[in-house]
Amino acid sequence: IRGRSYEETLMILELMPYRACYPIFKLVYSA
């Protein structure tokens, strides 16, 4: 997700199958 736009990042994090995506999604949303 480094270097990508905010909206594109949210789409990527929702579709990736890793457990690490949820806390990172929350941090991006919080930022």
ModelCIF file with pLDDT and N, C-alpha, C, O atoms, coordinates in Angstrom:
data_MODEL
#
_entry.id   MODEL 
#
_entity.id                         1 
_entity.type                       polymer 
_entity.pdbx_number_of_molecules   1 
#
_entity_poly.entity_id                      1 
_entity_poly.type                           'polypeptide(L)' 
_entity_poly.nstd_linkage                   no 
_entity_poly.nstd_monomer                   no 
_entity_poly.pdbx_seq_one_letter_code       IRGRSYEETLMILELMPYRACYPIFKLVYSA 
_entity_poly.pdbx_seq_one_letter_code_can   IRGRSYEETLMILELMPYRACYPIFKLVYSA 
_entity_poly.pdbx_strand_id                 A 
#
loop_
_entity_poly_seq.entity_id 
_entity_poly_seq.num 
_entity_poly_seq.mon_id 
_entity_poly_seq.hetero 
1 1  ILE n 
1 2  ARG n 
1 3  GLY n 
1 4  ARG n 
1 5  SER n 
1 6  TYR n 
1 7  GLU n 
1 8  GLU n 
1 9  THR n 
1 10 LEU n 
1 11 MET n 
1 12 ILE n 
1 13 LEU n 
1 14 GLU n 
1 15 LEU n 
1 16 MET n 
1 17 PRO n 
1 18 TYR n 
1 19 ARG n 
1 20 ALA n 
1 21 CYS n 
1 22 TYR n 
1 23 PRO n 
1 24 ILE n 
1 25 PHE n 
1 26 LYS n 
1 27 LEU n 
1 28 VAL n 
1 29 TYR n 
1 30 SER n 
1 31 ALA n 
#
_struct_asym.id          A 
_struct_asym.entity_id   1 
#
loop_
_ma_qa_metric.id 
_ma_qa_metric.mode 
_ma_qa_metric.name 
_ma_qa_metric.software_group_id 
_ma_qa_metric.type 
1 global pLDDT . pLDDT 
2 local  pLDDT . pLDDT 
#
_ma_qa_metric_global.metric_id      1 
_ma_qa_metric_global.metric_value   93.97 
_ma_qa_metric_global.model_id       1 
_ma_qa_metric_global.ordinal_id     1 
#
loop_
_ma_qa_metric_local.label_asym_id 
_ma_qa_metric_local.label_comp_id 
_ma_qa_metric_local.label_seq_id 
_ma_qa_metric_local.metric_id 
_ma_qa_metric_local.metric_value 
_ma_qa_metric_local.model_id 
_ma_qa_metric_local.ordinal_id 
A ILE 1  2 94.00 1 1  
A ARG 2  2 93.00 1 2  
A GLY 3  2 91.00 1 3  
A ARG 4  2 93.00 1 4  
A SER 5  2 93.00 1 5  
A TYR 6  2 94.00 1 6  
A GLU 7  2 93.00 1 7  
A GLU 8  2 94.00 1 8  
A THR 9  2 94.00 1 9  
A LEU 10 2 94.00 1 10 
A MET 11 2 95.00 1 11 
A ILE 12 2 94.00 1 12 
A LEU 13 2 94.00 1 13 
A GLU 14 2 94.00 1 14 
A LEU 15 2 94.00 1 15 
A MET 16 2 94.00 1 16 
A PRO 17 2 93.00 1 17 
A TYR 18 2 94.00 1 18 
A ARG 19 2 94.00 1 19 
A ALA 20 2 93.00 1 20 
A CYS 21 2 94.00 1 21 
A TYR 22 2 95.00 1 22 
A PRO 23 2 95.00 1 23 
A ILE 24 2 95.00 1 24 
A PHE 25 2 95.00 1 25 
A LYS 26 2 95.00 1 26 
A LEU 27 2 95.00 1 27 
A VAL 28 2 95.00 1 28 
A TYR 29 2 94.00 1 29 
A SER 30 2 94.00 1 30 
A ALA 31 2 94.00 1 31 
#
loop_
_atom_site.group_PDB 
_atom_site.id 
_atom_site.type_symbol 
_atom_site.label_atom_id 
_atom_site.label_alt_id 
_atom_site.label_comp_id 
_atom_site.label_asym_id 
_atom_site.label_entity_id 
_atom_site.label_seq_id 
_atom_site.pdbx_PDB_ins_code 
_atom_site.Cartn_x 
_atom_site.Cartn_y 
_atom_site.Cartn_z 
_atom_site.occupancy 
_atom_site.B_iso_or_equiv 
_atom_site.pdbx_formal_charge 
_atom_site.auth_seq_id 
_atom_site.auth_comp_id 
_atom_site.auth_asym_id 
_atom_site.auth_atom_id 
_atom_site.pdbx_PDB_model_num 
ATOM 1   N N  . ILE A 1 1  ? 0.807   -1.228  0.000  1.00 94.00 ? 1  ILE A N  1 
ATOM 2   C CA . ILE A 1 1  ? 0.000   0.000   0.000  1.00 94.00 ? 1  ILE A CA 1 
ATOM 3   C C  . ILE A 1 1  ? 0.834   1.269   0.000  1.00 94.00 ? 1  ILE A C  1 
ATOM 4   O O  . ILE A 1 1  ? 0.288   2.357   -0.184 1.00 94.00 ? 1  ILE A O  1 
ATOM 5   N N  . ARG A 1 2  ? 2.130   1.162   0.199  1.00 93.00 ? 2  ARG A N  1 
ATOM 6   C CA . ARG A 1 2  ? 2.980   2.354   0.284  1.00 93.00 ? 2  ARG A CA 1 
ATOM 7   C C  . ARG A 1 2  ? 2.985   3.102   -1.047 1.00 93.00 ? 2  ARG A C  1 
ATOM 8   O O  . ARG A 1 2  ? 3.257   2.507   -2.089 1.00 93.00 ? 2  ARG A O  1 
ATOM 9   N N  . GLY A 1 3  ? 2.684   4.407   -1.018 1.00 91.00 ? 3  GLY A N  1 
ATOM 10  C CA . GLY A 1 3  ? 2.696   5.236   -2.215 1.00 91.00 ? 3  GLY A CA 1 
ATOM 11  C C  . GLY A 1 3  ? 1.377   5.279   -2.964 1.00 91.00 ? 3  GLY A C  1 
ATOM 12  O O  . GLY A 1 3  ? 1.281   5.969   -3.979 1.00 91.00 ? 3  GLY A O  1 
ATOM 13  N N  . ARG A 1 4  ? 0.366   4.573   -2.507 1.00 93.00 ? 4  ARG A N  1 
ATOM 14  C CA . ARG A 1 4  ? -0.917  4.540   -3.214 1.00 93.00 ? 4  ARG A CA 1 
ATOM 15  C C  . ARG A 1 4  ? -1.875  5.579   -2.638 1.00 93.00 ? 4  ARG A C  1 
ATOM 16  O O  . ARG A 1 4  ? -1.647  6.129   -1.561 1.00 93.00 ? 4  ARG A O  1 
ATOM 17  N N  . SER A 1 5  ? -2.948  5.832   -3.378 1.00 93.00 ? 5  SER A N  1 
ATOM 18  C CA . SER A 1 5  ? -3.948  6.784   -2.911 1.00 93.00 ? 5  SER A CA 1 
ATOM 19  C C  . SER A 1 5  ? -4.775  6.157   -1.790 1.00 93.00 ? 5  SER A C  1 
ATOM 20  O O  . SER A 1 5  ? -4.767  4.940   -1.603 1.00 93.00 ? 5  SER A O  1 
ATOM 21  N N  . TYR A 1 6  ? -5.477  6.993   -1.062 1.00 94.00 ? 6  TYR A N  1 
ATOM 22  C CA . TYR A 1 6  ? -6.254  6.543   0.092  1.00 94.00 ? 6  TYR A CA 1 
ATOM 23  C C  . TYR A 1 6  ? -7.372  5.598   -0.329 1.00 94.00 ? 6  TYR A C  1 
ATOM 24  O O  . TYR A 1 6  ? -7.557  4.548   0.285  1.00 94.00 ? 6  TYR A O  1 
ATOM 25  N N  . GLU A 1 7  ? -8.113  5.957   -1.364 1.00 93.00 ? 7  GLU A N  1 
ATOM 26  C CA . GLU A 1 7  ? -9.247  5.134   -1.788 1.00 93.00 ? 7  GLU A CA 1 
ATOM 27  C C  . GLU A 1 7  ? -8.780  3.789   -2.349 1.00 93.00 ? 7  GLU A C  1 
ATOM 28  O O  . GLU A 1 7  ? -9.404  2.757   -2.100 1.00 93.00 ? 7  GLU A O  1 
ATOM 29  N N  . GLU A 1 8  ? -7.688  3.806   -3.099 1.00 94.00 ? 8  GLU A N  1 
ATOM 30  C CA . GLU A 1 8  ? -7.147  2.566   -3.647 1.00 94.00 ? 8  GLU A CA 1 
ATOM 31  C C  . GLU A 1 8  ? -6.630  1.664   -2.526 1.00 94.00 ? 8  GLU A C  1 
ATOM 32  O O  . GLU A 1 8  ? -6.750  0.441   -2.604 1.00 94.00 ? 8  GLU A O  1 
ATOM 33  N N  . THR A 1 9  ? -6.066  2.261   -1.500 1.00 94.00 ? 9  THR A N  1 
ATOM 34  C CA . THR A 1 9  ? -5.558  1.503   -0.365 1.00 94.00 ? 9  THR A CA 1 
ATOM 35  C C  . THR A 1 9  ? -6.678  0.778   0.365  1.00 94.00 ? 9  THR A C  1 
ATOM 36  O O  . THR A 1 9  ? -6.525  -0.382  0.747  1.00 94.00 ? 9  THR A O  1 
ATOM 37  N N  . LEU A 1 10 ? -7.796  1.454   0.559  1.00 94.00 ? 10 LEU A N  1 
ATOM 38  C CA . LEU A 1 10 ? -8.914  0.817   1.252  1.00 94.00 ? 10 LEU A CA 1 
ATOM 39  C C  . LEU A 1 10 ? -9.429  -0.379  0.459  1.00 94.00 ? 10 LEU A C  1 
ATOM 40  O O  . LEU A 1 10 ? -9.757  -1.411  1.043  1.00 94.00 ? 10 LEU A O  1 
ATOM 41  N N  . MET A 1 11 ? -9.505  -0.253  -0.864 1.00 95.00 ? 11 MET A N  1 
ATOM 42  C CA . MET A 1 11 ? -9.957  -1.374  -1.685 1.00 95.00 ? 11 MET A CA 1 
ATOM 43  C C  . MET A 1 11 ? -8.978  -2.547  -1.604 1.00 95.00 ? 11 MET A C  1 
ATOM 44  O O  . MET A 1 11 ? -9.395  -3.701  -1.499 1.00 95.00 ? 11 MET A O  1 
ATOM 45  N N  . ILE A 1 12 ? -7.684  -2.252  -1.651 1.00 94.00 ? 12 ILE A N  1 
ATOM 46  C CA . ILE A 1 12 ? -6.681  -3.312  -1.587 1.00 94.00 ? 12 ILE A CA 1 
ATOM 47  C C  . ILE A 1 12 ? -6.749  -4.042  -0.249 1.00 94.00 ? 12 ILE A C  1 
ATOM 48  O O  . ILE A 1 12 ? -6.702  -5.272  -0.203 1.00 94.00 ? 12 ILE A O  1 
ATOM 49  N N  . LEU A 1 13 ? -6.861  -3.276  0.844  1.00 94.00 ? 13 LEU A N  1 
ATOM 50  C CA . LEU A 1 13 ? -6.869  -3.891  2.167  1.00 94.00 ? 13 LEU A CA 1 
ATOM 51  C C  . LEU A 1 13 ? -8.120  -4.728  2.414  1.00 94.00 ? 13 LEU A C  1 
ATOM 52  O O  . LEU A 1 13 ? -8.067  -5.724  3.136  1.00 94.00 ? 13 LEU A O  1 
ATOM 53  N N  . GLU A 1 14 ? -9.247  -4.331  1.820  1.00 94.00 ? 14 GLU A N  1 
ATOM 54  C CA . GLU A 1 14 ? -10.462 -5.123  1.996  1.00 94.00 ? 14 GLU A CA 1 
ATOM 55  C C  . GLU A 1 14 ? -10.379 -6.455  1.267  1.00 94.00 ? 14 GLU A C  1 
ATOM 56  O O  . GLU A 1 14 ? -11.001 -7.429  1.690  1.00 94.00 ? 14 GLU A O  1 
ATOM 57  N N  . LEU A 1 15 ? -9.621  -6.513  0.178  1.00 94.00 ? 15 LEU A N  1 
ATOM 58  C CA . LEU A 1 15 ? -9.598  -7.711  -0.646 1.00 94.00 ? 15 LEU A CA 1 
ATOM 59  C C  . LEU A 1 15 ? -8.422  -8.646  -0.364 1.00 94.00 ? 15 LEU A C  1 
ATOM 60  O O  . LEU A 1 15 ? -8.432  -9.793  -0.810 1.00 94.00 ? 15 LEU A O  1 
ATOM 61  N N  . MET A 1 16 ? -7.425  -8.182  0.357  1.00 94.00 ? 16 MET A N  1 
ATOM 62  C CA . MET A 1 16 ? -6.267  -9.038  0.646  1.00 94.00 ? 16 MET A CA 1 
ATOM 63  C C  . MET A 1 16 ? -6.634  -10.065 1.714  1.00 94.00 ? 16 MET A C  1 
ATOM 64  O O  . MET A 1 16 ? -7.367  -9.743  2.649  1.00 94.00 ? 16 MET A O  1 
ATOM 65  N N  . PRO A 1 17 ? -6.140  -11.286 1.591  1.00 93.00 ? 17 PRO A N  1 
ATOM 66  C CA . PRO A 1 17 ? -6.564  -12.362 2.502  1.00 93.00 ? 17 PRO A CA 1 
ATOM 67  C C  . PRO A 1 17 ? -5.741  -12.499 3.785  1.00 93.00 ? 17 PRO A C  1 
ATOM 68  O O  . PRO A 1 17 ? -5.791  -13.550 4.424  1.00 93.00 ? 17 PRO A O  1 
ATOM 69  N N  . TYR A 1 18 ? -4.993  -11.479 4.178  1.00 94.00 ? 18 TYR A N  1 
ATOM 70  C CA . TYR A 1 18 ? -4.112  -11.606 5.336  1.00 94.00 ? 18 TYR A CA 1 
ATOM 71  C C  . TYR A 1 18 ? -4.768  -11.042 6.587  1.00 94.00 ? 18 TYR A C  1 
ATOM 72  O O  . TYR A 1 18 ? -5.596  -10.134 6.525  1.00 94.00 ? 18 TYR A O  1 
ATOM 73  N N  . ARG A 1 19 ? -4.367  -11.616 7.746  1.00 94.00 ? 19 ARG A N  1 
ATOM 74  C CA . ARG A 1 19 ? -4.904  -11.165 9.025  1.00 94.00 ? 19 ARG A CA 1 
ATOM 75  C C  . ARG A 1 19 ? -4.393  -9.773  9.382  1.00 94.00 ? 19 ARG A C  1 
ATOM 76  O O  . ARG A 1 19 ? -5.036  -9.056  10.148 1.00 94.00 ? 19 ARG A O  1 
ATOM 77  N N  . ALA A 1 20 ? -3.249  -9.388  8.837  1.00 93.00 ? 20 ALA A N  1 
ATOM 78  C CA . ALA A 1 20 ? -2.652  -8.087  9.135  1.00 93.00 ? 20 ALA A CA 1 
ATOM 79  C C  . ALA A 1 20 ? -3.422  -6.940  8.499  1.00 93.00 ? 20 ALA A C  1 
ATOM 80  O O  . ALA A 1 20 ? -3.204  -5.784  8.863  1.00 93.00 ? 20 ALA A O  1 
ATOM 81  N N  . CYS A 1 21 ? -4.315  -7.226  7.560  1.00 94.00 ? 21 CYS A N  1 
ATOM 82  C CA . CYS A 1 21 ? -5.005  -6.169  6.833  1.00 94.00 ? 21 CYS A CA 1 
ATOM 83  C C  . CYS A 1 21 ? -5.965  -5.374  7.713  1.00 94.00 ? 21 CYS A C  1 
ATOM 84  O O  . CYS A 1 21 ? -6.101  -4.162  7.546  1.00 94.00 ? 21 CYS A O  1 
ATOM 85  N N  . TYR A 1 22 ? -6.629  -6.049  8.647  1.00 95.00 ? 22 TYR A N  1 
ATOM 86  C CA . TYR A 1 22 ? -7.651  -5.357  9.436  1.00 95.00 ? 22 TYR A CA 1 
ATOM 87  C C  . TYR A 1 22 ? -7.066  -4.253  10.319 1.00 95.00 ? 22 TYR A C  1 
ATOM 88  O O  . TYR A 1 22 ? -7.579  -3.135  10.269 1.00 95.00 ? 22 TYR A O  1 
ATOM 89  N N  . PRO A 1 23 ? -6.014  -4.495  11.135 1.00 95.00 ? 23 PRO A N  1 
ATOM 90  C CA . PRO A 1 23 ? -5.464  -3.377  11.917 1.00 95.00 ? 23 PRO A CA 1 
ATOM 91  C C  . PRO A 1 23 ? -4.862  -2.269  11.055 1.00 95.00 ? 23 PRO A C  1 
ATOM 92  O O  . PRO A 1 23 ? -4.921  -1.096  11.427 1.00 95.00 ? 23 PRO A O  1 
ATOM 93  N N  . ILE A 1 24 ? -4.282  -2.629  9.907  1.00 95.00 ? 24 ILE A N  1 
ATOM 94  C CA . ILE A 1 24 ? -3.736  -1.605  9.009  1.00 95.00 ? 24 ILE A CA 1 
ATOM 95  C C  . ILE A 1 24 ? -4.865  -0.801  8.385  1.00 95.00 ? 24 ILE A C  1 
ATOM 96  O O  . ILE A 1 24 ? -4.746  0.412   8.218  1.00 95.00 ? 24 ILE A O  1 
ATOM 97  N N  . PHE A 1 25 ? -5.968  -1.474  8.037  1.00 95.00 ? 25 PHE A N  1 
ATOM 98  C CA . PHE A 1 25 ? -7.151  -0.790  7.517  1.00 95.00 ? 25 PHE A CA 1 
ATOM 99  C C  . PHE A 1 25 ? -7.673  0.229   8.530  1.00 95.00 ? 25 PHE A C  1 
ATOM 100 O O  . PHE A 1 25 ? -8.015  1.355   8.169  1.00 95.00 ? 25 PHE A O  1 
ATOM 101 N N  . LYS A 1 26 ? -7.732  -0.174  9.794  1.00 95.00 ? 26 LYS A N  1 
ATOM 102 C CA . LYS A 1 26 ? -8.201  0.738   10.835 1.00 95.00 ? 26 LYS A CA 1 
ATOM 103 C C  . LYS A 1 26 ? -7.280  1.941   10.997 1.00 95.00 ? 26 LYS A C  1 
ATOM 104 O O  . LYS A 1 26 ? -7.746  3.055   11.237 1.00 95.00 ? 26 LYS A O  1 
ATOM 105 N N  . LEU A 1 27 ? -5.956  1.714   10.863 1.00 95.00 ? 27 LEU A N  1 
ATOM 106 C CA . LEU A 1 27 ? -5.006  2.821   10.991 1.00 95.00 ? 27 LEU A CA 1 
ATOM 107 C C  . LEU A 1 27 ? -5.105  3.793   9.822  1.00 95.00 ? 27 LEU A C  1 
ATOM 108 O O  . LEU A 1 27 ? -5.040  5.007   10.014 1.00 95.00 ? 27 LEU A O  1 
ATOM 109 N N  . VAL A 1 28 ? -5.263  3.261   8.610  1.00 95.00 ? 28 VAL A N  1 
ATOM 110 C CA . VAL A 1 28 ? -5.392  4.132   7.435  1.00 95.00 ? 28 VAL A CA 1 
ATOM 111 C C  . VAL A 1 28 ? -6.674  4.945   7.544  1.00 95.00 ? 28 VAL A C  1 
ATOM 112 O O  . VAL A 1 28 ? -6.691  6.137   7.237  1.00 95.00 ? 28 VAL A O  1 
ATOM 113 N N  . TYR A 1 29 ? -7.740  4.299   7.979  1.00 94.00 ? 29 TYR A N  1 
ATOM 114 C CA . TYR A 1 29 ? -9.025  4.983   8.142  1.00 94.00 ? 29 TYR A CA 1 
ATOM 115 C C  . TYR A 1 29 ? -8.922  6.064   9.227  1.00 94.00 ? 29 TYR A C  1 
ATOM 116 O O  . TYR A 1 29 ? -9.485  7.150   9.087  1.00 94.00 ? 29 TYR A O  1 
ATOM 117 N N  . SER A 1 30 ? -8.201  5.753   10.301 1.00 94.00 ? 30 SER A N  1 
ATOM 118 C CA . SER A 1 30 ? -8.019  6.717   11.386 1.00 94.00 ? 30 SER A CA 1 
ATOM 119 C C  . SER A 1 30 ? -7.178  7.908   10.935 1.00 94.00 ? 30 SER A C  1 
ATOM 120 O O  . SER A 1 30 ? -7.473  9.048   11.295 1.00 94.00 ? 30 SER A O  1 
ATOM 121 N N  . ALA A 1 31 ? -6.130  7.651   10.149 1.00 94.00 ? 31 ALA A N  1 
ATOM 122 C CA . ALA A 1 31 ? -5.291  8.744   9.652  1.00 94.00 ? 31 ALA A CA 1 
ATOM 123 C C  . ALA A 1 31 ? -6.092  9.654   8.725  1.00 94.00 ? 31 ALA A C  1 
ATOM 124 O O  . ALA A 1 31 ? -5.555  10.633  8.206  1.00 94.00 ? 31 ALA A O  1 
#
